[in-house]
Amino acid sequence: TLPPGREFTKTELADHAGVTRQTVSKYIDLLLDTEIVEGVANSSPRRYRVAKSDVVQELFELNSALNAAGE
């Protein structure tokens, strides 16, 4: 998982998620609209960070539960 507050580019997000940059580019608007990530103002190249939202909290909890069940 990405550390809260860490800023990243589309390429860094793709590398961390194990997908292509093109996939991130295709879905970045959805991630922004659903408040999973937020854009960092005045960043060049454009940077993003994991949002501090209820949706993200639920996703982190789900991920933790799935990891615990898989151990």
PDB file of N, CA and C in Angstrom:
ATOM      1  N   THR A   1       0.838  -1.188   0.000  1.00  0.00           N
ATOM      2  CA  THR A   1       0.000   0.000   0.000  1.00  0.00           C
ATOM      3  C   THR A   1       0.881   1.248   0.000  1.00  0.00           C
ATOM      4  N   LEU A   2       0.335   2.307  -0.511  1.00  0.00           N
ATOM      5  CA  LEU A   2       1.066   3.571  -0.542  1.00  0.00           C
ATOM      6  C   LEU A   2       0.942   4.260   0.813  1.00  0.00           C
ATOM      7  N   PRO A   3       2.032   4.804   1.321  1.00  0.00           N
ATOM      8  CA  PRO A   3       1.958   5.498   2.601  1.00  0.00           C
ATOM      9  C   PRO A   3       1.075   6.740   2.503  1.00  0.00           C
ATOM     10  N   PRO A   4       0.238   6.987   3.515  1.00  0.00           N
ATOM     11  CA  PRO A   4      -0.614   8.180   3.499  1.00  0.00           C
ATOM     12  C   PRO A   4       0.224   9.446   3.390  1.00  0.00           C
ATOM     13  N   GLY A   5      -0.234  10.373   2.577  1.00  0.00           N
ATOM     14  CA  GLY A   5       0.443  11.651   2.429  1.00  0.00           C
ATOM     15  C   GLY A   5       1.589  11.664   1.439  1.00  0.00           C
ATOM     16  N   ARG A   6       2.062  10.492   1.014  1.00  0.00           N
ATOM     17  CA  ARG A   6       3.171  10.443   0.057  1.00  0.00           C
ATOM     18  C   ARG A   6       2.665  10.875  -1.313  1.00  0.00           C
ATOM     19  N   GLU A   7       3.418  11.736  -1.969  1.00  0.00           N
ATOM     20  CA  GLU A   7       3.055  12.188  -3.308  1.00  0.00           C
ATOM     21  C   GLU A   7       3.694  11.272  -4.341  1.00  0.00           C
ATOM     22  N   PHE A   8       3.006  11.080  -5.468  1.00  0.00           N
ATOM     23  CA  PHE A   8       3.515  10.202  -6.508  1.00  0.00           C
ATOM     24  C   PHE A   8       3.017  10.646  -7.872  1.00  0.00           C
ATOM     25  N   THR A   9       3.771  10.295  -8.892  1.00  0.00           N
ATOM     26  CA  THR A   9       3.363  10.547 -10.276  1.00  0.00           C
ATOM     27  C   THR A   9       2.567   9.343 -10.769  1.00  0.00           C
ATOM     28  N   LYS A  10       1.992   9.459 -11.950  1.00  0.00           N
ATOM     29  CA  LYS A  10       1.283   8.323 -12.545  1.00  0.00           C
ATOM     30  C   LYS A  10       2.223   7.140 -12.726  1.00  0.00           C
ATOM     31  N   THR A  11       3.452   7.408 -13.124  1.00  0.00           N
ATOM     32  CA  THR A  11       4.429   6.334 -13.325  1.00  0.00           C
ATOM     33  C   THR A  11       4.743   5.632 -12.009  1.00  0.00           C
ATOM     34  N   GLU A  12       4.950   6.396 -10.950  1.00  0.00           N
ATOM     35  CA  GLU A  12       5.230   5.797  -9.640  1.00  0.00           C
ATOM     36  C   GLU A  12       4.045   4.983  -9.142  1.00  0.00           C
ATOM     37  N   LEU A  13       2.834   5.488  -9.347  1.00  0.00           N
ATOM     38  CA  LEU A  13       1.634   4.749  -8.954  1.00  0.00           C
ATOM     39  C   LEU A  13       1.535   3.445  -9.739  1.00  0.00           C
ATOM     40  N   ALA A  14       1.791   3.510 -11.030  1.00  0.00           N
ATOM     41  CA  ALA A  14       1.745   2.308 -11.868  1.00  0.00           C
ATOM     42  C   ALA A  14       2.768   1.280 -11.398  1.00  0.00           C
ATOM     43  N   ASP A  15       3.983   1.719 -11.134  1.00  0.00           N
ATOM     44  CA  ASP A  15       5.029   0.809 -10.662  1.00  0.00           C
ATOM     45  C   ASP A  15       4.623   0.141  -9.356  1.00  0.00           C
ATOM     46  N   HIS A  16       4.081   0.922  -8.439  1.00  0.00           N
ATOM     47  CA  HIS A  16       3.692   0.391  -7.133  1.00  0.00           C
ATOM     48  C   HIS A  16       2.515  -0.584  -7.253  1.00  0.00           C
ATOM     49  N   ALA A  17       1.581  -0.286  -8.159  1.00  0.00           N
ATOM     50  CA  ALA A  17       0.385  -1.123  -8.321  1.00  0.00           C
ATOM     51  C   ALA A  17       0.611  -2.320  -9.233  1.00  0.00           C
ATOM     52  N   GLY A  18       1.728  -2.324  -9.955  1.00  0.00           N
ATOM     53  CA  GLY A  18       1.997  -3.437 -10.857  1.00  0.00           C
ATOM     54  C   GLY A  18       1.181  -3.397 -12.133  1.00  0.00           C
ATOM     55  N   VAL A  19       0.847  -2.184 -12.567  1.00  0.00           N
ATOM     56  CA  VAL A  19       0.111  -1.991 -13.818  1.00  0.00           C
ATOM     57  C   VAL A  19       0.898  -1.016 -14.692  1.00  0.00           C
ATOM     58  N   THR A  20       0.430  -0.808 -15.905  1.00  0.00           N
ATOM     59  CA  THR A  20       1.107   0.124 -16.799  1.00  0.00           C
ATOM     60  C   THR A  20       0.687   1.560 -16.499  1.00  0.00           C
ATOM     61  N   ARG A  21       1.513   2.492 -16.944  1.00  0.00           N
ATOM     62  CA  ARG A  21       1.172   3.908 -16.801  1.00  0.00           C
ATOM     63  C   ARG A  21      -0.099   4.218 -17.582  1.00  0.00           C
ATOM     64  N   GLN A  22      -0.282   3.541 -18.712  1.00  0.00           N
ATOM     65  CA  GLN A  22      -1.479   3.749 -19.521  1.00  0.00           C
ATOM     66  C   GLN A  22      -2.738   3.365 -18.737  1.00  0.00           C
ATOM     67  N   THR A  23      -2.652   2.300 -17.943  1.00  0.00           N
ATOM     68  CA  THR A  23      -3.797   1.894 -17.125  1.00  0.00           C
ATOM     69  C   THR A  23      -4.106   2.956 -16.083  1.00  0.00           C
ATOM     70  N   VAL A  24      -3.077   3.481 -15.434  1.00  0.00           N
ATOM     71  CA  VAL A  24      -3.285   4.550 -14.455  1.00  0.00           C
ATOM     72  C   VAL A  24      -3.904   5.764 -15.141  1.00  0.00           C
ATOM     73  N   SER A  25      -3.399   6.134 -16.310  1.00  0.00           N
ATOM     74  CA  SER A  25      -3.941   7.283 -17.040  1.00  0.00           C
ATOM     75  C   SER A  25      -5.411   7.074 -17.378  1.00  0.00           C
ATOM     76  N   LYS A  26      -5.765   5.848 -17.707  1.00  0.00           N
ATOM     77  CA  LYS A  26      -7.156   5.531 -18.064  1.00  0.00           C
ATOM     78  C   LYS A  26      -8.091   5.701 -16.863  1.00  0.00           C
ATOM     79  N   TYR A  27      -7.605   5.380 -15.664  1.00  0.00           N
ATOM     80  CA  TYR A  27      -8.476   5.355 -14.484  1.00  0.00           C
ATOM     81  C   TYR A  27      -8.233   6.483 -13.484  1.00  0.00           C
ATOM     82  N   ILE A  28      -7.289   7.379 -13.741  1.00  0.00           N
ATOM     83  CA  ILE A  28      -6.967   8.407 -12.751  1.00  0.00           C
ATOM     84  C   ILE A  28      -8.161   9.318 -12.460  1.00  0.00           C
ATOM     85  N   ASP A  29      -8.964   9.636 -13.474  1.00  0.00           N
ATOM     86  CA  ASP A  29     -10.138  10.488 -13.226  1.00  0.00           C
ATOM     87  C   ASP A  29     -11.133   9.797 -12.299  1.00  0.00           C
ATOM     88  N   LEU A  30     -11.307   8.489 -12.459  1.00  0.00           N
ATOM     89  CA  LEU A  30     -12.188   7.726 -11.572  1.00  0.00           C
ATOM     90  C   LEU A  30     -11.641   7.732 -10.144  1.00  0.00           C
ATOM     91  N   LEU A  31     -10.335   7.553 -10.006  1.00  0.00           N
ATOM     92  CA  LEU A  31      -9.719   7.587  -8.677  1.00  0.00           C
ATOM     93  C   LEU A  31      -9.888   8.957  -8.024  1.00  0.00           C
ATOM     94  N   LEU A  32      -9.804  10.013  -8.817  1.00  0.00           N
ATOM     95  CA  LEU A  32     -10.017  11.370  -8.301  1.00  0.00           C
ATOM     96  C   LEU A  32     -11.486  11.588  -7.940  1.00  0.00           C
ATOM     97  N   ASP A  33     -12.397  11.175  -8.824  1.00  0.00           N
ATOM     98  CA  ASP A  33     -13.835  11.376  -8.595  1.00  0.00           C
ATOM     99  C   ASP A  33     -14.345  10.622  -7.374  1.00  0.00           C
ATOM    100  N   THR A  34     -13.774   9.453  -7.103  1.00  0.00           N
ATOM    101  CA  THR A  34     -14.208   8.639  -5.966  1.00  0.00           C
ATOM    102  C   THR A  34     -13.409   8.943  -4.698  1.00  0.00           C
ATOM    103  N   GLU A  35     -12.582   9.979  -4.765  1.00  0.00           N
ATOM    104  CA  GLU A  35     -11.802  10.461  -3.621  1.00  0.00           C
ATOM    105  C   GLU A  35     -10.855   9.406  -3.057  1.00  0.00           C
ATOM    106  N   ILE A  36     -10.314   8.569  -3.954  1.00  0.00           N
ATOM    107  CA  ILE A  36      -9.289   7.613  -3.548  1.00  0.00           C
ATOM    108  C   ILE A  36      -7.927   8.293  -3.605  1.00  0.00           C
ATOM    109  N   VAL A  37      -7.726   9.128  -4.612  1.00  0.00           N
ATOM    110  CA  VAL A  37      -6.530   9.959  -4.677  1.00  0.00           C
ATOM    111  C   VAL A  37      -6.960  11.403  -4.857  1.00  0.00           C
ATOM    112  N   GLU A  38      -6.048  12.309  -4.551  1.00  0.00           N
ATOM    113  CA  GLU A  38      -6.296  13.734  -4.774  1.00  0.00           C
ATOM    114  C   GLU A  38      -5.089  14.317  -5.481  1.00  0.00           C
ATOM    115  N   GLY A  39      -5.345  15.297  -6.318  1.00  0.00           N
ATOM    116  CA  GLY A  39      -4.260  15.955  -7.020  1.00  0.00           C
ATOM    117  C   GLY A  39      -3.522  16.917  -6.111  1.00  0.00           C
ATOM    118  N   VAL A  40      -2.227  17.053  -6.337  1.00  0.00           N
ATOM    119  CA  VAL A  40      -1.403  18.000  -5.584  1.00  0.00           C
ATOM    120  C   VAL A  40      -1.327  19.280  -6.411  1.00  0.00           C
ATOM    121  N   ALA A  41      -1.777  20.376  -5.835  1.00  0.00           N
ATOM    122  CA  ALA A  41      -1.817  21.652  -6.547  1.00  0.00           C
ATOM    123  C   ALA A  41      -0.420  22.110  -6.946  1.00  0.00           C
ATOM    124  N   ASN A  42      -0.349  22.743  -8.095  1.00  0.00           N
ATOM    125  CA  ASN A  42       0.883  23.362  -8.596  1.00  0.00           C
ATOM    126  C   ASN A  42       2.068  22.403  -8.661  1.00  0.00           C
ATOM    127  N   SER A  43       1.814  21.154  -9.039  1.00  0.00           N
ATOM    128  CA  SER A  43       2.913  20.195  -9.163  1.00  0.00           C
ATOM    129  C   SER A  43       3.198  19.923 -10.635  1.00  0.00           C
ATOM    130  N   SER A  44       4.462  19.811 -10.959  1.00  0.00           N
ATOM    131  CA  SER A  44       4.870  19.518 -12.330  1.00  0.00           C
ATOM    132  C   SER A  44       6.098  18.622 -12.287  1.00  0.00           C
ATOM    133  N   PRO A  45       6.015  17.396 -12.809  1.00  0.00           N
ATOM    134  CA  PRO A  45       4.815  16.825 -13.416  1.00  0.00           C
ATOM    135  C   PRO A  45       3.722  16.639 -12.372  1.00  0.00           C
ATOM    136  N   ARG A  46       2.507  16.473 -12.883  1.00  0.00           N
ATOM    137  CA  ARG A  46       1.343  16.337 -12.004  1.00  0.00           C
ATOM    138  C   ARG A  46       1.572  15.237 -10.983  1.00  0.00           C
ATOM    139  N   ARG A  47       1.298  15.538  -9.722  1.00  0.00           N
ATOM    140  CA  ARG A  47       1.483  14.563  -8.646  1.00  0.00           C
ATOM    141  C   ARG A  47       0.150  14.336  -7.939  1.00  0.00           C
ATOM    142  N   TYR A  48       0.064  13.189  -7.298  1.00  0.00           N
ATOM    143  CA  TYR A  48      -1.151  12.776  -6.601  1.00  0.00           C
ATOM    144  C   TYR A  48      -0.759  12.239  -5.236  1.00  0.00           C
ATOM    145  N   ARG A  49      -1.743  12.098  -4.355  1.00  0.00           N
ATOM    146  CA  ARG A  49      -1.513  11.431  -3.073  1.00  0.00           C
ATOM    147  C   ARG A  49      -2.794  10.693  -2.691  1.00  0.00           C
ATOM    148  N   VAL A  50      -2.624   9.674  -1.851  1.00  0.00           N
ATOM    149  CA  VAL A  50      -3.776   8.928  -1.362  1.00  0.00           C
ATOM    150  C   VAL A  50      -4.605   9.880  -0.511  1.00  0.00           C
ATOM    151  N   ALA A  51      -5.894   9.943  -0.798  1.00  0.00           N
ATOM    152  CA  ALA A  51      -6.780  10.850  -0.076  1.00  0.00           C
ATOM    153  C   ALA A  51      -7.062  10.321   1.330  1.00  0.00           C
ATOM    154  N   LYS A  52      -7.365  11.226   2.221  1.00  0.00           N
ATOM    155  CA  LYS A  52      -7.795  10.851   3.571  1.00  0.00           C
ATOM    156  C   LYS A  52      -9.320  10.907   3.577  1.00  0.00           C
ATOM    157  N   SER A  53      -9.931   9.809   3.112  1.00  0.00           N
ATOM    158  CA  SER A  53     -11.386   9.769   3.004  1.00  0.00           C
ATOM    159  C   SER A  53     -11.911   8.467   3.592  1.00  0.00           C
ATOM    160  N   ASP A  54     -13.220   8.417   3.811  1.00  0.00           N
ATOM    161  CA  ASP A  54     -13.848   7.197   4.317  1.00  0.00           C
ATOM    162  C   ASP A  54     -13.647   6.038   3.354  1.00  0.00           C
ATOM    163  N   VAL A  55     -13.705   6.316   2.057  1.00  0.00           N
ATOM    164  CA  VAL A  55     -13.516   5.274   1.044  1.00  0.00           C
ATOM    165  C   VAL A  55     -12.131   4.654   1.191  1.00  0.00           C
ATOM    166  N   VAL A  56     -11.122   5.476   1.309  1.00  0.00           N
ATOM    167  CA  VAL A  56      -9.749   4.981   1.440  1.00  0.00           C
ATOM    168  C   VAL A  56      -9.591   4.189   2.734  1.00  0.00           C
ATOM    169  N   GLN A  57     -10.156   4.678   3.820  1.00  0.00           N
ATOM    170  CA  GLN A  57     -10.076   3.959   5.092  1.00  0.00           C
ATOM    171  C   GLN A  57     -10.680   2.567   4.957  1.00  0.00           C
ATOM    172  N   GLU A  58     -11.846   2.474   4.315  1.00  0.00           N
ATOM    173  CA  GLU A  58     -12.495   1.173   4.116  1.00  0.00           C
ATOM    174  C   GLU A  58     -11.640   0.263   3.240  1.00  0.00           C
ATOM    175  N   LEU A  59     -11.016   0.809   2.211  1.00  0.00           N
ATOM    176  CA  LEU A  59     -10.157   0.001   1.338  1.00  0.00           C
ATOM    177  C   LEU A  59      -8.941  -0.529   2.096  1.00  0.00           C
ATOM    178  N   PHE A  60      -8.333   0.304   2.937  1.00  0.00           N
ATOM    179  CA  PHE A  60      -7.192  -0.147   3.739  1.00  0.00           C
ATOM    180  C   PHE A  60      -7.618  -1.255   4.704  1.00  0.00           C
ATOM    181  N   GLU A  61      -8.792  -1.105   5.325  1.00  0.00           N
ATOM    182  CA  GLU A  61      -9.278  -2.133   6.247  1.00  0.00           C
ATOM    183  C   GLU A  61      -9.576  -3.437   5.512  1.00  0.00           C
ATOM    184  N   LEU A  62     -10.180  -3.346   4.335  1.00  0.00           N
ATOM    185  CA  LEU A  62     -10.455  -4.536   3.529  1.00  0.00           C
ATOM    186  C   LEU A  62      -9.160  -5.224   3.128  1.00  0.00           C
ATOM    187  N   ASN A  63      -8.185  -4.445   2.698  1.00  0.00           N
ATOM    188  CA  ASN A  63      -6.890  -5.000   2.312  1.00  0.00           C
ATOM    189  C   ASN A  63      -6.232  -5.723   3.489  1.00  0.00           C
ATOM    190  N   SER A  64      -6.291  -5.128   4.664  1.00  0.00           N
ATOM    191  CA  SER A  64      -5.711  -5.756   5.855  1.00  0.00           C
ATOM    192  C   SER A  64      -6.412  -7.065   6.184  1.00  0.00           C
ATOM    193  N   ALA A  65      -7.741  -7.073   6.090  1.00  0.00           N
ATOM    194  CA  ALA A  65      -8.499  -8.295   6.374  1.00  0.00           C
ATOM    195  C   ALA A  65      -8.173  -9.392   5.371  1.00  0.00           C
ATOM    196  N   LEU A  66      -8.070  -9.036   4.104  1.00  0.00           N
ATOM    197  CA  LEU A  66      -7.733 -10.027   3.078  1.00  0.00           C
ATOM    198  C   LEU A  66      -6.327 -10.574   3.279  1.00  0.00           C
ATOM    199  N   ASN A  67      -5.397  -9.706   3.628  1.00  0.00           N
ATOM    200  CA  ASN A  67      -4.027 -10.162   3.893  1.00  0.00           C
ATOM    201  C   ASN A  67      -3.981 -11.097   5.095  1.00  0.00           C
ATOM    202  N   ALA A  68      -4.733 -10.768   6.144  1.00  0.00           N
ATOM    203  CA  ALA A  68      -4.759 -11.609   7.342  1.00  0.00           C
ATOM    204  C   ALA A  68      -5.385 -12.970   7.035  1.00  0.00           C
ATOM    205  N   ALA A  69      -6.415 -12.990   6.207  1.00  0.00           N
ATOM    206  CA  ALA A  69      -7.083 -14.246   5.853  1.00  0.00           C
ATOM    207  C   ALA A  69      -6.195 -15.130   4.989  1.00  0.00           C
ATOM    208  N   GLY A  70      -5.314 -14.508   4.222  1.00  0.00           N
ATOM    209  CA  GLY A  70      -4.435 -15.251   3.327  1.00  0.00           C
ATOM    210  C   GLY A  70      -3.193 -15.802   3.997  1.00  0.00           C
ATOM    211  N   GLU A  71      -2.951 -15.432   5.237  1.00  0.00           N
ATOM    212  CA  GLU A  71      -1.731 -15.881   5.925  1.00  0.00           C
ATOM    213  C   GLU A  71      -1.908 -17.233   6.555  1.00  0.00           C
TER     214      GLU A  71
END
